[in-house]
Amino acid sequence: MNIGEFKANNGRLLGSIATRTIDLPKLGLRAVESENTKAPIFEIVALNVGNRWVQVGALWEAVARHTTGEVFLQGTIDDPSLSEPLPVALFGSDTEGYRVAWRRPQRRDDFGPAVRTSRGDYPQDGEGGFGDSTAGNDGALVGGGADLDDHVPF
């Protein structure tokens, strides 16, 4: 989803980003000069209420994973006024301008697909699952075979 744009204006890259709840009407891209290969390409700066430019993010160069090998910029915008960081990607060039895209990050599922069961379908009395509980009705440890007063060396 496109949420903004940056265009060259008097030698500067200026633009805006707007969503239903975020309105950043005056943003700039300031080139980062660094010998460090891990340094960002641009800092994202915003004009604050005191009419000063403040850094609110950074952009690094990235290459699309699909066969085109398209180069784009990616990073985040973050500020205490935002409820959470805003991940962005910019497509285009310094001369043509950039389109600002946003995509909701997909959560990675380390455990594979979830299998839903109703409470009545759980295995009973050690018939699989995680086995019997080691907590009694009062919450005390029962039948676990471990004495909580044992010293365990590190």
N, C-alpha and C. Protein backbone atom coordinates (compact mmCIF):
# COMPACT_ATOMS: atom_id res chain seq x y z
N MET A 1 0.84 -1.15 0.00
CA MET A 1 0.00 0.00 0.00
C MET A 1 0.90 1.23 0.00
N ASN A 2 0.68 2.14 -0.94
CA ASN A 2 1.45 3.38 -1.01
C ASN A 2 0.88 4.37 -0.01
N ILE A 3 1.78 4.96 0.82
CA ILE A 3 1.33 5.89 1.85
C ILE A 3 2.03 7.24 1.76
N GLY A 4 2.84 7.44 0.72
CA GLY A 4 3.51 8.73 0.59
C GLY A 4 4.45 8.78 -0.58
N GLU A 5 5.18 9.89 -0.66
CA GLU A 5 6.15 10.06 -1.75
C GLU A 5 7.20 11.09 -1.35
N PHE A 6 8.35 10.98 -2.01
CA PHE A 6 9.44 11.94 -1.88
C PHE A 6 9.82 12.37 -3.29
N LYS A 7 10.08 13.66 -3.47
CA LYS A 7 10.52 14.19 -4.77
C LYS A 7 11.65 15.19 -4.55
N ALA A 8 12.51 15.30 -5.58
CA ALA A 8 13.59 16.28 -5.53
C ALA A 8 13.00 17.68 -5.61
N ASN A 9 13.48 18.57 -4.71
CA ASN A 9 13.00 19.94 -4.67
C ASN A 9 14.17 20.83 -4.25
N ASN A 10 14.71 21.61 -5.21
CA ASN A 10 15.85 22.49 -4.94
C ASN A 10 17.03 21.73 -4.33
N GLY A 11 17.35 20.57 -4.87
CA GLY A 11 18.50 19.79 -4.40
C GLY A 11 18.24 18.97 -3.15
N ARG A 12 17.03 18.98 -2.64
CA ARG A 12 16.66 18.18 -1.46
C ARG A 12 15.58 17.18 -1.83
N LEU A 13 15.55 16.05 -1.11
CA LEU A 13 14.47 15.08 -1.29
C LEU A 13 13.45 15.33 -0.18
N LEU A 14 12.30 15.88 -0.56
CA LEU A 14 11.25 16.23 0.39
C LEU A 14 9.99 15.44 0.07
N GLY A 15 9.22 15.13 1.11
CA GLY A 15 7.99 14.38 0.88
C GLY A 15 7.10 14.35 2.10
N SER A 16 6.14 13.43 2.02
CA SER A 16 5.17 13.29 3.11
C SER A 16 4.70 11.84 3.19
N ILE A 17 4.18 11.51 4.35
CA ILE A 17 3.57 10.19 4.59
C ILE A 17 2.27 10.44 5.32
N ALA A 18 1.21 9.78 4.87
CA ALA A 18 -0.08 9.94 5.53
C ALA A 18 -0.83 8.61 5.52
N THR A 19 -1.39 8.29 6.68
CA THR A 19 -2.30 7.15 6.82
C THR A 19 -3.54 7.67 7.54
N ARG A 20 -4.42 6.78 7.93
CA ARG A 20 -5.62 7.22 8.64
C ARG A 20 -5.27 7.88 9.98
N THR A 21 -4.22 7.42 10.65
CA THR A 21 -3.88 7.95 11.97
C THR A 21 -2.55 8.70 12.03
N ILE A 22 -1.77 8.69 10.95
CA ILE A 22 -0.47 9.35 10.93
C ILE A 22 -0.46 10.37 9.81
N ASP A 23 -0.02 11.59 10.13
CA ASP A 23 0.14 12.61 9.10
C ASP A 23 1.49 13.28 9.31
N LEU A 24 2.43 12.96 8.45
CA LEU A 24 3.77 13.55 8.47
C LEU A 24 3.90 14.37 7.18
N PRO A 25 3.46 15.64 7.22
CA PRO A 25 3.36 16.42 5.99
C PRO A 25 4.68 16.95 5.45
N LYS A 26 5.71 17.01 6.28
CA LYS A 26 6.97 17.57 5.80
C LYS A 26 8.12 16.71 6.29
N LEU A 27 8.60 15.83 5.41
CA LEU A 27 9.72 14.94 5.69
C LEU A 27 10.83 15.20 4.70
N GLY A 28 12.03 14.84 5.10
CA GLY A 28 13.17 14.96 4.20
C GLY A 28 14.06 13.74 4.29
N LEU A 29 14.81 13.48 3.23
CA LEU A 29 15.81 12.42 3.21
C LEU A 29 17.17 13.10 3.18
N ARG A 30 17.96 12.86 4.22
CA ARG A 30 19.30 13.46 4.32
C ARG A 30 20.31 12.34 4.09
N ALA A 31 21.16 12.49 3.07
CA ALA A 31 22.17 11.48 2.74
C ALA A 31 23.14 11.31 3.90
N VAL A 32 23.52 10.06 4.16
CA VAL A 32 24.49 9.74 5.21
C VAL A 32 25.84 9.53 4.55
N GLU A 33 26.84 10.24 5.01
CA GLU A 33 28.19 10.07 4.50
C GLU A 33 28.97 9.26 5.51
N SER A 34 29.29 8.01 5.14
CA SER A 34 30.00 7.13 6.06
C SER A 34 30.79 6.10 5.26
N GLU A 35 31.91 5.70 5.81
CA GLU A 35 32.72 4.63 5.22
C GLU A 35 32.23 3.26 5.69
N ASN A 36 31.40 3.23 6.71
CA ASN A 36 30.89 1.99 7.28
C ASN A 36 29.87 1.37 6.32
N THR A 37 30.11 0.11 5.94
CA THR A 37 29.21 -0.56 5.00
C THR A 37 27.83 -0.84 5.60
N LYS A 38 27.71 -0.78 6.92
CA LYS A 38 26.42 -1.03 7.57
C LYS A 38 25.65 0.25 7.86
N ALA A 39 26.20 1.39 7.48
CA ALA A 39 25.54 2.67 7.70
C ALA A 39 24.33 2.80 6.78
N PRO A 40 23.31 3.52 7.21
CA PRO A 40 22.16 3.74 6.33
C PRO A 40 22.54 4.63 5.15
N ILE A 41 21.73 4.58 4.11
CA ILE A 41 21.90 5.44 2.93
C ILE A 41 21.36 6.84 3.24
N PHE A 42 20.20 6.89 3.90
CA PHE A 42 19.55 8.15 4.25
C PHE A 42 19.08 8.14 5.70
N GLU A 43 19.07 9.32 6.31
CA GLU A 43 18.32 9.55 7.54
C GLU A 43 16.98 10.14 7.11
N ILE A 44 15.92 9.75 7.78
CA ILE A 44 14.62 10.37 7.54
C ILE A 44 14.46 11.44 8.60
N VAL A 45 14.23 12.67 8.17
CA VAL A 45 14.09 13.79 9.10
C VAL A 45 12.70 14.41 8.93
N ALA A 46 12.19 14.95 10.03
CA ALA A 46 10.88 15.60 10.03
C ALA A 46 11.01 16.99 10.64
N LEU A 47 10.18 17.87 10.18
CA LEU A 47 10.14 19.22 10.72
C LEU A 47 9.27 19.19 11.97
N ASN A 48 9.86 19.57 13.13
CA ASN A 48 9.09 19.50 14.38
C ASN A 48 8.34 20.80 14.63
N VAL A 49 7.63 20.87 15.77
CA VAL A 49 6.82 22.06 16.08
C VAL A 49 7.67 23.31 16.26
N GLY A 50 8.95 23.15 16.58
CA GLY A 50 9.87 24.29 16.71
C GLY A 50 10.51 24.68 15.39
N ASN A 51 10.03 24.09 14.28
CA ASN A 51 10.54 24.36 12.93
C ASN A 51 12.00 23.93 12.78
N ARG A 52 12.37 22.83 13.45
CA ARG A 52 13.72 22.26 13.34
C ARG A 52 13.61 20.86 12.74
N TRP A 53 14.62 20.47 11.96
CA TRP A 53 14.66 19.13 11.40
C TRP A 53 15.21 18.16 12.44
N VAL A 54 14.47 17.08 12.72
CA VAL A 54 14.90 16.06 13.67
C VAL A 54 14.82 14.69 13.00
N GLN A 55 15.76 13.83 13.35
CA GLN A 55 15.77 12.49 12.76
C GLN A 55 14.66 11.64 13.36
N VAL A 56 13.90 10.98 12.48
CA VAL A 56 12.83 10.09 12.92
C VAL A 56 12.97 8.68 12.33
N GLY A 57 14.03 8.47 11.56
CA GLY A 57 14.22 7.14 10.98
C GLY A 57 15.46 7.08 10.12
N ALA A 58 15.63 5.91 9.49
CA ALA A 58 16.78 5.71 8.60
C ALA A 58 16.39 4.69 7.54
N LEU A 59 17.11 4.73 6.42
CA LEU A 59 16.85 3.83 5.29
C LEU A 59 18.14 3.16 4.84
N TRP A 60 18.07 1.86 4.60
CA TRP A 60 19.18 1.09 4.09
C TRP A 60 18.81 0.56 2.71
N GLU A 61 19.83 0.31 1.91
CA GLU A 61 19.61 -0.27 0.59
C GLU A 61 19.32 -1.76 0.73
N ALA A 62 18.36 -2.25 -0.05
CA ALA A 62 17.99 -3.67 -0.04
C ALA A 62 17.76 -4.12 -1.48
N VAL A 63 17.79 -5.42 -1.69
CA VAL A 63 17.56 -5.99 -3.01
C VAL A 63 16.38 -6.94 -2.91
N ALA A 64 15.45 -6.81 -3.84
CA ALA A 64 14.27 -7.68 -3.86
C ALA A 64 14.69 -9.14 -4.01
N ARG A 65 13.99 -10.02 -3.32
CA ARG A 65 14.33 -11.44 -3.35
C ARG A 65 13.89 -12.13 -4.62
N HIS A 66 12.90 -11.59 -5.30
CA HIS A 66 12.45 -12.26 -6.51
C HIS A 66 13.43 -12.04 -7.65
N THR A 67 13.15 -12.56 -8.77
CA THR A 67 14.10 -12.62 -9.88
C THR A 67 14.51 -11.27 -10.46
N THR A 68 13.77 -10.21 -10.21
CA THR A 68 14.13 -8.92 -10.82
C THR A 68 15.38 -8.31 -10.20
N GLY A 69 15.65 -8.58 -8.95
CA GLY A 69 16.80 -8.00 -8.29
C GLY A 69 16.69 -6.50 -8.09
N GLU A 70 15.46 -5.99 -8.07
CA GLU A 70 15.22 -4.56 -7.91
C GLU A 70 15.83 -4.05 -6.60
N VAL A 71 16.52 -2.92 -6.69
CA VAL A 71 17.11 -2.29 -5.51
C VAL A 71 16.10 -1.28 -4.98
N PHE A 72 15.90 -1.28 -3.67
CA PHE A 72 14.99 -0.32 -3.05
C PHE A 72 15.56 0.06 -1.69
N LEU A 73 14.90 0.95 -1.01
CA LEU A 73 15.32 1.40 0.32
C LEU A 73 14.31 0.91 1.34
N GLN A 74 14.80 0.44 2.49
CA GLN A 74 13.87 0.02 3.53
C GLN A 74 14.36 0.51 4.89
N GLY A 75 13.43 0.73 5.78
CA GLY A 75 13.76 1.19 7.12
C GLY A 75 12.51 1.40 7.93
N THR A 76 12.65 2.19 8.99
CA THR A 76 11.51 2.48 9.85
C THR A 76 11.49 3.95 10.23
N ILE A 77 10.29 4.40 10.54
CA ILE A 77 10.09 5.72 11.12
C ILE A 77 9.63 5.47 12.55
N ASP A 78 10.27 6.12 13.50
CA ASP A 78 9.91 5.92 14.88
C ASP A 78 10.06 7.24 15.63
N ASP A 79 9.13 7.50 16.51
CA ASP A 79 9.11 8.73 17.28
C ASP A 79 8.27 8.46 18.52
N PRO A 80 8.56 9.10 19.65
CA PRO A 80 7.73 8.88 20.84
C PRO A 80 6.25 9.17 20.62
N SER A 81 5.91 9.99 19.64
CA SER A 81 4.50 10.30 19.38
C SER A 81 3.78 9.17 18.66
N LEU A 82 4.52 8.20 18.11
CA LEU A 82 3.90 7.06 17.42
C LEU A 82 3.70 5.91 18.39
N SER A 83 2.62 5.16 18.22
CA SER A 83 2.36 4.02 19.10
C SER A 83 3.33 2.88 18.86
N GLU A 84 3.86 2.76 17.65
CA GLU A 84 4.85 1.75 17.32
C GLU A 84 5.62 2.19 16.08
N PRO A 85 6.81 1.62 15.84
CA PRO A 85 7.58 2.00 14.64
C PRO A 85 6.79 1.70 13.36
N LEU A 86 7.00 2.51 12.37
CA LEU A 86 6.33 2.35 11.07
C LEU A 86 7.35 1.85 10.06
N PRO A 87 7.26 0.56 9.64
CA PRO A 87 8.19 0.05 8.64
C PRO A 87 7.80 0.58 7.26
N VAL A 88 8.80 1.05 6.50
CA VAL A 88 8.54 1.60 5.17
C VAL A 88 9.55 1.05 4.17
N ALA A 89 9.16 1.09 2.91
CA ALA A 89 10.05 0.77 1.80
C ALA A 89 9.85 1.85 0.74
N LEU A 90 10.94 2.31 0.15
CA LEU A 90 10.87 3.34 -0.87
C LEU A 90 11.36 2.77 -2.19
N PHE A 91 10.55 3.00 -3.24
CA PHE A 91 10.86 2.51 -4.58
C PHE A 91 10.97 3.69 -5.52
N GLY A 92 12.03 3.72 -6.31
CA GLY A 92 12.24 4.79 -7.26
C GLY A 92 13.71 5.19 -7.27
N SER A 93 13.96 6.48 -7.48
CA SER A 93 15.34 6.98 -7.51
C SER A 93 15.37 8.43 -7.07
N ASP A 94 16.59 8.94 -6.83
CA ASP A 94 16.74 10.33 -6.42
C ASP A 94 16.19 11.28 -7.48
N THR A 95 16.39 10.98 -8.76
CA THR A 95 15.96 11.88 -9.82
C THR A 95 14.46 11.77 -10.12
N GLU A 96 13.92 10.55 -10.10
CA GLU A 96 12.49 10.35 -10.40
C GLU A 96 11.60 10.55 -9.18
N GLY A 97 12.18 10.44 -8.01
CA GLY A 97 11.40 10.50 -6.78
C GLY A 97 11.14 9.09 -6.28
N TYR A 98 10.59 8.99 -5.08
CA TYR A 98 10.34 7.70 -4.44
C TYR A 98 8.87 7.57 -4.04
N ARG A 99 8.33 6.38 -4.22
CA ARG A 99 7.03 6.02 -3.69
C ARG A 99 7.26 5.33 -2.34
N VAL A 100 6.51 5.71 -1.33
CA VAL A 100 6.65 5.11 -0.01
C VAL A 100 5.58 4.03 0.14
N ALA A 101 6.04 2.80 0.38
CA ALA A 101 5.11 1.68 0.54
C ALA A 101 5.18 1.16 1.97
N TRP A 102 4.07 0.62 2.40
CA TRP A 102 3.98 0.02 3.72
C TRP A 102 3.28 -1.32 3.58
N ARG A 103 3.74 -2.29 4.36
CA ARG A 103 3.08 -3.60 4.38
C ARG A 103 3.12 -4.09 5.81
N ARG A 104 2.00 -4.62 6.27
CA ARG A 104 1.95 -5.17 7.62
C ARG A 104 2.91 -6.35 7.70
N PRO A 105 3.82 -6.34 8.67
CA PRO A 105 4.75 -7.47 8.79
C PRO A 105 3.99 -8.76 9.08
N GLN A 106 4.40 -9.84 8.43
CA GLN A 106 3.78 -11.13 8.68
C GLN A 106 4.49 -11.80 9.83
N ARG A 107 3.72 -12.31 10.77
CA ARG A 107 4.30 -13.00 11.91
C ARG A 107 4.83 -14.34 11.47
N ARG A 108 6.01 -14.65 11.94
CA ARG A 108 6.63 -15.93 11.62
C ARG A 108 6.15 -16.96 12.62
N ASP A 109 5.75 -18.12 12.12
CA ASP A 109 5.24 -19.18 12.98
C ASP A 109 6.30 -20.26 13.10
N ASP A 110 7.03 -20.26 14.22
CA ASP A 110 8.10 -21.22 14.43
C ASP A 110 7.61 -22.64 14.68
N PHE A 111 6.35 -22.79 15.03
CA PHE A 111 5.83 -24.10 15.41
C PHE A 111 5.02 -24.76 14.30
N GLY A 112 4.89 -24.13 13.17
CA GLY A 112 4.07 -24.70 12.11
C GLY A 112 2.62 -24.29 12.30
N PRO A 113 1.74 -24.82 11.49
CA PRO A 113 0.34 -24.41 11.58
C PRO A 113 -0.28 -24.86 12.90
N ALA A 114 -1.16 -24.03 13.41
CA ALA A 114 -1.84 -24.36 14.66
C ALA A 114 -2.94 -25.38 14.39
N VAL A 115 -3.09 -26.33 15.29
CA VAL A 115 -4.17 -27.31 15.21
C VAL A 115 -5.09 -27.02 16.38
N ARG A 116 -6.30 -26.65 16.07
CA ARG A 116 -7.27 -26.30 17.11
C ARG A 116 -8.05 -27.54 17.54
N THR A 117 -8.20 -27.69 18.84
CA THR A 117 -9.02 -28.77 19.38
C THR A 117 -9.91 -28.18 20.45
N SER A 118 -11.04 -28.82 20.69
CA SER A 118 -11.88 -28.37 21.79
C SER A 118 -11.32 -28.94 23.08
N ARG A 119 -11.67 -28.37 24.19
CA ARG A 119 -11.13 -28.82 25.48
C ARG A 119 -11.37 -30.30 25.70
N GLY A 120 -12.45 -30.83 25.24
CA GLY A 120 -12.76 -32.24 25.47
C GLY A 120 -11.88 -33.19 24.68
N ASP A 121 -11.13 -32.69 23.70
CA ASP A 121 -10.31 -33.55 22.86
C ASP A 121 -8.90 -33.77 23.39
N TYR A 122 -8.53 -33.12 24.51
CA TYR A 122 -7.19 -33.30 25.04
C TYR A 122 -7.01 -34.71 25.58
N PRO A 123 -5.80 -35.28 25.46
CA PRO A 123 -5.55 -36.61 26.01
C PRO A 123 -5.75 -36.61 27.52
N GLN A 124 -6.23 -37.70 28.05
CA GLN A 124 -6.51 -37.82 29.47
C GLN A 124 -5.47 -38.70 30.15
N ASP A 125 -5.07 -38.38 31.36
CA ASP A 125 -4.24 -39.22 32.23
C ASP A 125 -3.05 -39.85 31.52
N GLY A 126 -2.19 -39.04 30.95
CA GLY A 126 -0.95 -39.55 30.38
C GLY A 126 -1.09 -40.26 29.05
N GLU A 127 -2.17 -40.07 28.34
CA GLU A 127 -2.36 -40.72 27.04
C GLU A 127 -1.73 -39.88 25.93
N GLY A 128 -0.62 -39.25 26.17
CA GLY A 128 0.01 -38.37 25.18
C GLY A 128 0.07 -36.98 25.75
N GLY A 129 0.28 -36.02 24.91
CA GLY A 129 0.38 -34.65 25.39
C GLY A 129 1.64 -34.47 26.20
N PHE A 130 1.55 -33.66 27.25
CA PHE A 130 2.70 -33.36 28.09
C PHE A 130 2.76 -34.22 29.35
N GLY A 131 1.84 -35.13 29.53
CA GLY A 131 1.86 -36.00 30.71
C GLY A 131 1.09 -35.41 31.86
N ASP A 132 1.21 -36.06 33.02
CA ASP A 132 0.47 -35.65 34.21
C ASP A 132 1.04 -34.36 34.78
N SER A 133 0.19 -33.63 35.49
CA SER A 133 0.60 -32.41 36.14
C SER A 133 1.43 -32.71 37.38
N THR A 134 2.36 -31.84 37.69
CA THR A 134 3.14 -31.97 38.92
C THR A 134 2.63 -31.00 39.98
N ALA A 135 1.47 -30.38 39.74
CA ALA A 135 0.89 -29.46 40.71
C ALA A 135 -0.36 -30.10 41.31
N GLY A 136 -0.45 -30.05 42.62
CA GLY A 136 -1.63 -30.54 43.32
C GLY A 136 -2.74 -29.51 43.27
N ASN A 137 -3.89 -29.84 43.88
CA ASN A 137 -5.03 -28.93 43.89
C ASN A 137 -4.72 -27.60 44.57
N ASP A 138 -3.80 -27.64 45.55
CA ASP A 138 -3.41 -26.42 46.25
C ASP A 138 -2.23 -25.70 45.60
N GLY A 139 -1.75 -26.22 44.47
CA GLY A 139 -0.63 -25.61 43.76
C GLY A 139 0.73 -26.10 44.20
N ALA A 140 0.78 -26.97 45.21
CA ALA A 140 2.05 -27.48 45.71
C ALA A 140 2.58 -28.56 44.77
N LEU A 141 3.91 -28.73 44.73
CA LEU A 141 4.56 -29.74 43.90
C LEU A 141 4.24 -31.12 44.44
N VAL A 142 3.76 -32.00 43.55
CA VAL A 142 3.47 -33.38 43.95
C VAL A 142 4.01 -34.33 42.90
N GLY A 143 4.62 -35.40 43.32
CA GLY A 143 5.02 -36.48 42.41
C GLY A 143 6.01 -36.11 41.34
N GLY A 144 6.67 -34.97 41.44
CA GLY A 144 7.60 -34.57 40.40
C GLY A 144 8.96 -35.23 40.54
N GLY A 145 9.23 -35.85 41.69
CA GLY A 145 10.49 -36.53 41.90
C GLY A 145 11.63 -35.59 42.25
N ALA A 146 11.40 -34.30 42.28
CA ALA A 146 12.44 -33.34 42.62
C ALA A 146 12.16 -32.73 43.97
N ASP A 147 13.18 -32.58 44.75
CA ASP A 147 13.04 -31.92 46.05
C ASP A 147 13.47 -30.47 45.84
N LEU A 148 12.56 -29.55 46.11
CA LEU A 148 12.86 -28.15 45.86
C LEU A 148 13.97 -27.61 46.74
N ASP A 149 14.31 -28.34 47.82
CA ASP A 149 15.38 -27.89 48.68
C ASP A 149 16.75 -28.40 48.23
N ASP A 150 16.78 -29.25 47.17
CA ASP A 150 18.06 -29.74 46.67
C ASP A 150 18.88 -28.60 46.10
N HIS A 151 20.18 -28.66 46.32
CA HIS A 151 21.09 -27.65 45.75
C HIS A 151 21.49 -28.12 44.35
N VAL A 152 21.30 -27.27 43.38
CA VAL A 152 21.68 -27.60 42.00
C VAL A 152 22.91 -26.78 41.64
N PRO A 153 24.06 -27.45 41.40
CA PRO A 153 25.26 -26.69 41.05
C PRO A 153 25.16 -26.13 39.63
N PHE A 154 25.75 -24.97 39.41
CA PHE A 154 25.73 -24.34 38.08
C PHE A 154 26.98 -24.67 37.34
